[in-house]
N, C-alpha and C. Protein backbone atom coordinates (compact mmCIF):
# COMPACT_ATOMS: atom_id res chain seq x y z
N UNK A 1 10.22 16.38 -50.27
CA UNK A 1 9.71 16.19 -48.72
C UNK A 1 9.30 14.95 -48.54
N UNK A 2 9.32 14.41 -47.80
CA UNK A 2 9.28 12.92 -47.94
C UNK A 2 8.51 12.56 -46.49
N UNK A 3 8.61 13.53 -45.38
CA UNK A 3 7.81 13.61 -44.07
C UNK A 3 9.06 13.33 -43.24
N UNK A 4 9.90 13.43 -43.40
CA UNK A 4 11.29 13.24 -42.32
C UNK A 4 11.80 14.80 -42.01
N UNK A 5 11.90 14.73 -40.91
CA UNK A 5 12.66 15.60 -39.83
C UNK A 5 14.52 15.98 -39.68
N UNK A 6 15.05 16.76 -39.50
CA UNK A 6 16.28 16.96 -39.52
C UNK A 6 17.05 15.78 -38.63
N UNK A 7 16.21 15.02 -37.57
CA UNK A 7 16.33 14.10 -36.28
C UNK A 7 16.29 12.67 -36.78
N UNK A 8 16.17 12.37 -37.95
CA UNK A 8 15.99 11.52 -38.39
C UNK A 8 14.65 10.91 -38.65
N UNK A 9 13.55 11.25 -37.87
CA UNK A 9 11.97 10.71 -37.84
C UNK A 9 11.20 11.17 -38.48
N UNK A 10 10.24 11.01 -38.47
CA UNK A 10 8.96 11.64 -39.63
C UNK A 10 8.26 12.62 -38.14
N UNK A 11 7.68 13.24 -38.97
CA UNK A 11 6.69 14.30 -38.35
C UNK A 11 5.84 13.70 -37.41
N UNK A 12 5.37 12.70 -37.66
CA UNK A 12 4.26 12.06 -36.59
C UNK A 12 4.76 11.74 -35.50
N UNK A 13 6.24 10.63 -35.66
CA UNK A 13 6.87 10.49 -34.35
C UNK A 13 7.43 11.61 -33.50
N UNK A 14 7.91 12.78 -33.91
CA UNK A 14 8.04 14.12 -33.43
C UNK A 14 6.64 14.63 -32.31
N UNK A 15 5.79 14.44 -33.40
CA UNK A 15 4.46 14.79 -32.71
C UNK A 15 4.06 14.23 -31.40
N UNK A 16 4.32 12.71 -32.42
CA UNK A 16 3.89 11.86 -30.94
C UNK A 16 4.88 11.90 -29.57
N UNK A 17 5.99 12.10 -29.38
CA UNK A 17 7.12 12.46 -28.65
C UNK A 17 6.62 13.91 -27.43
N UNK A 18 6.26 14.90 -28.68
CA UNK A 18 5.82 16.02 -27.74
C UNK A 18 4.76 15.82 -27.01
N UNK A 19 3.66 15.43 -27.57
CA UNK A 19 2.57 14.81 -27.00
C UNK A 19 2.54 14.34 -25.71
N UNK A 20 3.58 12.92 -25.71
CA UNK A 20 4.12 12.51 -24.28
C UNK A 20 4.76 13.22 -23.48
N UNK A 21 5.46 14.45 -23.99
CA UNK A 21 6.48 15.04 -22.97
C UNK A 21 5.25 16.05 -21.77
N UNK A 22 4.22 16.63 -23.03
CA UNK A 22 2.96 17.54 -22.88
C UNK A 22 2.11 16.69 -21.64
N UNK A 23 2.12 15.81 -21.93
CA UNK A 23 0.98 14.92 -20.96
C UNK A 23 1.49 14.57 -19.80
N UNK A 24 2.84 14.26 -19.78
CA UNK A 24 4.07 13.81 -18.58
C UNK A 24 4.13 15.13 -17.57
N UNK A 25 4.42 15.94 -18.58
CA UNK A 25 4.32 17.42 -17.51
C UNK A 25 2.77 17.75 -16.90
N UNK A 26 2.11 17.84 -17.57
CA UNK A 26 0.64 18.11 -16.84
C UNK A 26 0.32 17.08 -15.62
N UNK A 27 0.94 15.80 -15.99
CA UNK A 27 0.22 14.74 -14.60
C UNK A 27 1.41 14.96 -13.64
N UNK A 28 2.74 15.75 -13.61
CA UNK A 28 3.25 15.79 -12.70
C UNK A 28 3.13 17.04 -11.91
N UNK A 29 2.64 17.85 -13.16
CA UNK A 29 1.49 19.39 -12.49
C UNK A 29 0.49 19.26 -11.82
N UNK A 30 -0.40 18.02 -12.38
CA UNK A 30 -1.79 18.15 -11.78
C UNK A 30 -1.22 16.83 -9.84
N UNK A 31 -0.25 15.97 -10.08
CA UNK A 31 0.15 15.52 -8.79
C UNK A 31 0.96 15.98 -7.95
N UNK A 32 1.07 17.36 -8.04
CA UNK A 32 1.78 18.32 -6.83
C UNK A 32 0.59 19.07 -6.75
N UNK A 33 -0.54 19.59 -7.75
CA UNK A 33 -1.29 20.37 -7.01
C UNK A 33 -2.21 19.18 -6.04
N UNK A 34 -2.44 18.09 -6.33
CA UNK A 34 -3.20 17.42 -5.61
C UNK A 34 -2.62 16.67 -4.35
N UNK A 35 -1.11 16.76 -4.49
CA UNK A 35 -0.72 16.45 -3.16
C UNK A 35 -0.73 17.50 -1.98
N UNK A 36 -0.75 18.53 -2.43
CA UNK A 36 -0.87 19.69 -1.82
C UNK A 36 -2.45 20.45 -0.97
N UNK A 37 -3.16 19.84 -2.14
CA UNK A 37 -4.43 20.25 -1.71
C UNK A 37 -5.10 19.26 -0.74
N UNK A 38 -4.21 17.86 -1.32
CA UNK A 38 -5.12 16.96 -0.26
C UNK A 38 -4.27 16.60 1.04
N UNK A 39 -3.08 17.28 1.30
CA UNK A 39 -2.10 17.08 2.25
C UNK A 39 -3.28 17.32 3.85
N UNK A 40 -2.99 16.55 4.76
CA UNK A 40 -3.65 16.92 6.12
C UNK A 40 -2.54 17.33 6.80
N UNK A 41 -2.74 18.03 8.12
CA UNK A 41 -2.01 18.13 8.75
C UNK A 41 -2.17 16.95 9.88
N UNK A 42 -0.70 16.28 10.50
CA UNK A 42 -0.89 15.56 11.67
C UNK A 42 -1.76 14.93 11.94
N UNK A 43 -2.00 13.68 12.61
CA UNK A 43 -3.47 14.02 13.37
C UNK A 43 -3.44 14.44 14.88
N UNK A 44 -1.87 14.53 15.34
CA UNK A 44 -2.04 15.06 16.40
C UNK A 44 -1.92 16.10 17.26
N UNK A 45 -2.19 16.54 15.89
CA UNK A 45 -2.22 18.36 16.09
C UNK A 45 -3.97 18.66 15.91
N UNK A 46 -4.65 17.60 15.28
CA UNK A 46 -6.11 18.26 15.35
C UNK A 46 -7.01 16.99 15.62
N UNK A 47 -8.33 17.22 16.05
CA UNK A 47 -8.61 15.85 16.66
C UNK A 47 -9.82 15.60 15.63
N UNK A 48 -10.25 13.76 15.90
CA UNK A 48 -11.20 12.75 14.52
C UNK A 48 -12.01 13.89 14.95
N UNK A 49 -12.65 14.11 13.97
CA UNK A 49 -14.19 14.53 13.48
C UNK A 49 -14.87 12.85 13.60
N UNK A 50 -16.57 12.75 14.28
CA UNK A 50 -16.85 11.81 13.81
C UNK A 50 -16.95 10.52 12.86
N UNK A 51 -17.12 10.84 11.86
CA UNK A 51 -16.81 9.99 11.05
C UNK A 51 -15.50 9.27 10.96
N UNK A 52 -14.60 10.11 11.00
CA UNK A 52 -12.75 9.50 10.99
C UNK A 52 -12.83 8.69 12.03
N UNK A 53 -13.64 9.05 13.45
CA UNK A 53 -13.63 7.83 13.94
C UNK A 53 -14.20 7.00 13.98
N UNK A 54 -15.25 6.91 13.64
CA UNK A 54 -16.21 5.52 12.86
C UNK A 54 -15.56 4.58 12.16
N UNK A 55 -15.32 5.54 11.17
CA UNK A 55 -14.18 4.52 10.06
C UNK A 55 -12.97 3.99 10.61
N UNK A 56 -12.18 4.55 11.70
CA UNK A 56 -11.14 4.09 12.14
C UNK A 56 -11.66 2.57 12.88
N UNK A 57 -12.33 2.68 14.04
CA UNK A 57 -13.30 1.97 14.56
C UNK A 57 -13.72 0.92 13.64
N UNK A 58 -14.15 1.13 12.59
CA UNK A 58 -14.42 -0.16 11.60
C UNK A 58 -13.19 -0.94 11.26
N UNK A 59 -12.14 -0.03 10.35
CA UNK A 59 -11.14 -1.08 10.12
C UNK A 59 -10.66 -1.30 11.17
N UNK A 60 -10.28 -1.24 12.34
CA UNK A 60 -9.74 -1.95 13.31
C UNK A 60 -10.75 -3.17 13.39
N UNK A 61 -11.60 -3.10 13.60
CA UNK A 61 -12.86 -4.33 13.88
C UNK A 61 -12.33 -5.30 12.45
N UNK A 62 -12.62 -4.84 11.46
CA UNK A 62 -12.27 -5.63 10.40
C UNK A 62 -10.80 -6.36 10.12
N UNK A 63 -10.09 -5.43 10.52
CA UNK A 63 -8.76 -5.85 11.25
C UNK A 63 -8.31 -7.21 11.98
N UNK A 64 -8.84 -6.90 13.60
CA UNK A 64 -8.87 -7.99 14.07
C UNK A 64 -9.99 -9.14 13.85
N UNK A 65 -10.82 -9.36 13.07
CA UNK A 65 -11.77 -10.25 12.50
C UNK A 65 -10.83 -11.02 11.57
N UNK A 66 -10.02 -10.27 10.31
CA UNK A 66 -9.43 -11.00 9.51
C UNK A 66 -8.07 -11.79 10.39
N UNK A 67 -7.46 -11.07 11.42
CA UNK A 67 -6.58 -11.54 12.04
C UNK A 67 -7.00 -12.75 12.77
N UNK A 68 -7.89 -13.23 13.46
CA UNK A 68 -8.19 -13.90 14.10
C UNK A 68 -8.78 -15.21 13.45
N UNK A 69 -8.76 -15.00 12.23
CA UNK A 69 -10.05 -15.87 10.80
C UNK A 69 -8.29 -16.80 10.63
N UNK A 70 -6.75 -15.97 10.14
CA UNK A 70 -5.97 -16.31 9.28
C UNK A 70 -4.99 -17.31 10.26
N UNK A 71 -4.94 -18.34 10.01
CA UNK A 71 -4.00 -19.80 10.51
C UNK A 71 -2.42 -19.43 9.63
N UNK A 72 -3.28 -19.61 7.94
CA UNK A 72 -2.08 -19.64 7.14
C UNK A 72 -1.71 -18.47 6.33
N UNK A 73 -0.78 -18.09 5.57
CA UNK A 73 -0.65 -17.06 4.88
C UNK A 73 -0.94 -17.29 3.42
N UNK A 74 -2.07 -16.66 3.02
CA UNK A 74 -2.46 -16.74 1.74
C UNK A 74 -1.50 -16.42 0.81
N UNK A 75 -0.42 -16.05 0.87
CA UNK A 75 0.59 -15.84 -0.56
C UNK A 75 1.81 -16.88 -0.48
N UNK A 76 1.86 -17.34 0.89
CA UNK A 76 3.44 -18.38 0.95
C UNK A 76 2.59 -19.79 1.49
N UNK A 77 1.32 -19.75 2.31
CA UNK A 77 1.12 -21.02 3.11
C UNK A 77 2.10 -21.01 4.07
N UNK A 78 2.84 -20.33 4.80
CA UNK A 78 3.29 -20.67 5.88
C UNK A 78 2.34 -20.38 6.81
N UNK A 79 2.61 -21.02 7.96
CA UNK A 79 1.61 -20.37 9.56
C UNK A 79 2.27 -18.83 10.06
N UNK A 80 1.15 -18.66 10.09
CA UNK A 80 0.66 -17.03 10.70
C UNK A 80 0.99 -16.92 12.27
N UNK A 81 1.78 -16.05 12.71
CA UNK A 81 1.97 -16.43 14.27
C UNK A 81 0.49 -15.36 14.85
N UNK A 82 -0.40 -15.93 15.98
CA UNK A 82 -1.77 -15.45 16.07
C UNK A 82 -1.12 -14.06 16.63
N UNK A 83 -2.52 -13.17 16.26
CA UNK A 83 -2.45 -11.49 16.59
C UNK A 83 -3.27 -11.87 17.93
N UNK A 84 -2.79 -11.12 18.83
CA UNK A 84 -3.39 -10.76 20.28
C UNK A 84 -4.41 -9.33 20.67
N UNK A 85 -4.96 -8.90 21.10
CA UNK A 85 -5.28 -7.46 20.68
C UNK A 85 -5.91 -7.48 22.39
N UNK A 86 -5.24 -6.40 23.05
CA UNK A 86 -5.57 -5.85 24.34
C UNK A 86 -5.88 -4.53 24.03
N UNK A 87 -7.50 -4.54 25.07
CA UNK A 87 -7.78 -2.98 24.87
C UNK A 87 -8.26 -3.29 23.33
N UNK A 88 -8.43 -1.77 23.30
CA UNK A 88 -8.97 -0.93 21.85
C UNK A 88 -7.48 -1.06 20.67
N UNK A 89 -6.51 -0.96 21.32
CA UNK A 89 -5.33 -0.23 20.70
C UNK A 89 -4.27 -1.01 20.41
N UNK A 90 -4.09 -1.67 21.08
CA UNK A 90 -2.81 -3.00 21.27
C UNK A 90 -2.80 -3.70 20.76
N UNK A 91 -1.93 -4.00 19.96
CA UNK A 91 -1.91 -5.59 19.06
C UNK A 91 -0.54 -6.27 19.61
N UNK A 92 -0.97 -7.41 19.83
CA UNK A 92 0.82 -8.41 20.37
C UNK A 92 0.76 -9.22 19.02
N UNK A 93 1.81 -10.00 18.77
CA UNK A 93 1.77 -11.18 17.91
C UNK A 93 2.48 -12.15 19.03
N UNK A 94 1.60 -12.92 18.86
CA UNK A 94 2.27 -14.01 19.84
C UNK A 94 3.18 -14.66 19.02
N UNK A 95 3.78 -15.94 19.62
CA UNK A 95 4.88 -16.78 19.58
C UNK A 95 4.49 -17.79 18.52
N UNK A 96 4.86 -18.37 17.69
CA UNK A 96 4.51 -19.57 16.95
C UNK A 96 4.50 -20.66 17.68
N UNK A 97 3.96 -22.08 17.51
CA UNK A 97 3.97 -23.32 18.37
C UNK A 97 5.56 -23.71 17.40
N UNK A 98 5.69 -24.97 18.24
CA UNK A 98 6.78 -25.40 17.98
C UNK A 98 6.50 -26.66 16.65
N UNK A 99 5.24 -27.19 16.40
CA UNK A 99 5.31 -27.41 15.84
C UNK A 99 4.87 -26.61 14.22
N UNK A 100 4.53 -25.35 14.50
CA UNK A 100 4.43 -24.50 13.16
C UNK A 100 5.47 -23.90 12.84
N UNK A 101 6.76 -23.69 13.67
CA UNK A 101 7.90 -23.36 13.53
C UNK A 101 8.72 -24.48 12.64
N UNK A 102 8.55 -25.63 12.98
CA UNK A 102 9.24 -26.67 12.07
C UNK A 102 8.68 -26.57 11.05
N UNK A 103 7.36 -26.55 10.81
CA UNK A 103 6.62 -26.79 9.67
C UNK A 103 7.48 -25.47 8.42
N UNK A 104 7.47 -24.30 8.85
CA UNK A 104 7.97 -23.12 8.17
C UNK A 104 9.42 -23.10 7.82
N UNK A 105 10.08 -23.68 8.78
CA UNK A 105 11.45 -23.64 8.61
C UNK A 105 11.35 -24.94 7.50
N UNK A 106 10.80 -26.61 7.51
CA UNK A 106 10.97 -26.99 7.05
C UNK A 106 10.30 -26.50 4.63
N UNK A 107 9.59 -25.52 5.24
CA UNK A 107 9.51 -24.63 3.71
C UNK A 107 10.28 -23.65 3.51
N UNK A 108 11.20 -23.21 4.51
CA UNK A 108 12.29 -22.32 4.46
C UNK A 108 11.34 -20.95 4.73
N UNK A 109 10.53 -20.60 5.52
CA UNK A 109 9.81 -19.38 5.41
C UNK A 109 10.57 -18.90 6.45
N UNK A 110 10.71 -18.12 6.71
CA UNK A 110 10.89 -16.72 8.03
C UNK A 110 10.35 -15.81 8.45
N UNK A 111 9.80 -15.96 9.80
CA UNK A 111 8.84 -14.37 9.70
C UNK A 111 9.78 -13.60 10.27
N UNK A 112 9.24 -12.23 10.07
CA UNK A 112 10.24 -11.07 10.51
C UNK A 112 9.92 -10.69 11.25
N UNK A 113 10.31 -9.85 12.17
CA UNK A 113 9.65 -9.32 13.33
C UNK A 113 9.48 -7.28 13.16
């Protein structure tokens, strides 16, 4: 016996493959349990609690600050449309100026809506 099994591989590789399958099965089972336990009802069916409202306000504030500072895309250096905020939850994208449009066209960048 030289450590070979019927499939042509060694006992060690068969054990490794069996362990990989066991780990993958366990990971899928854990994902299913977590998805079930962490699933929240839609926000329309339940009111936001105090800390959720505070977190939402903070996220919106940070987003609005980041939008007002951004002139060019950090990834492709294209000019970004300005974002206008109306009231607390309305967000509008302003059209690009002609100069910025020409610059983006020269760089072959197209902004999708």
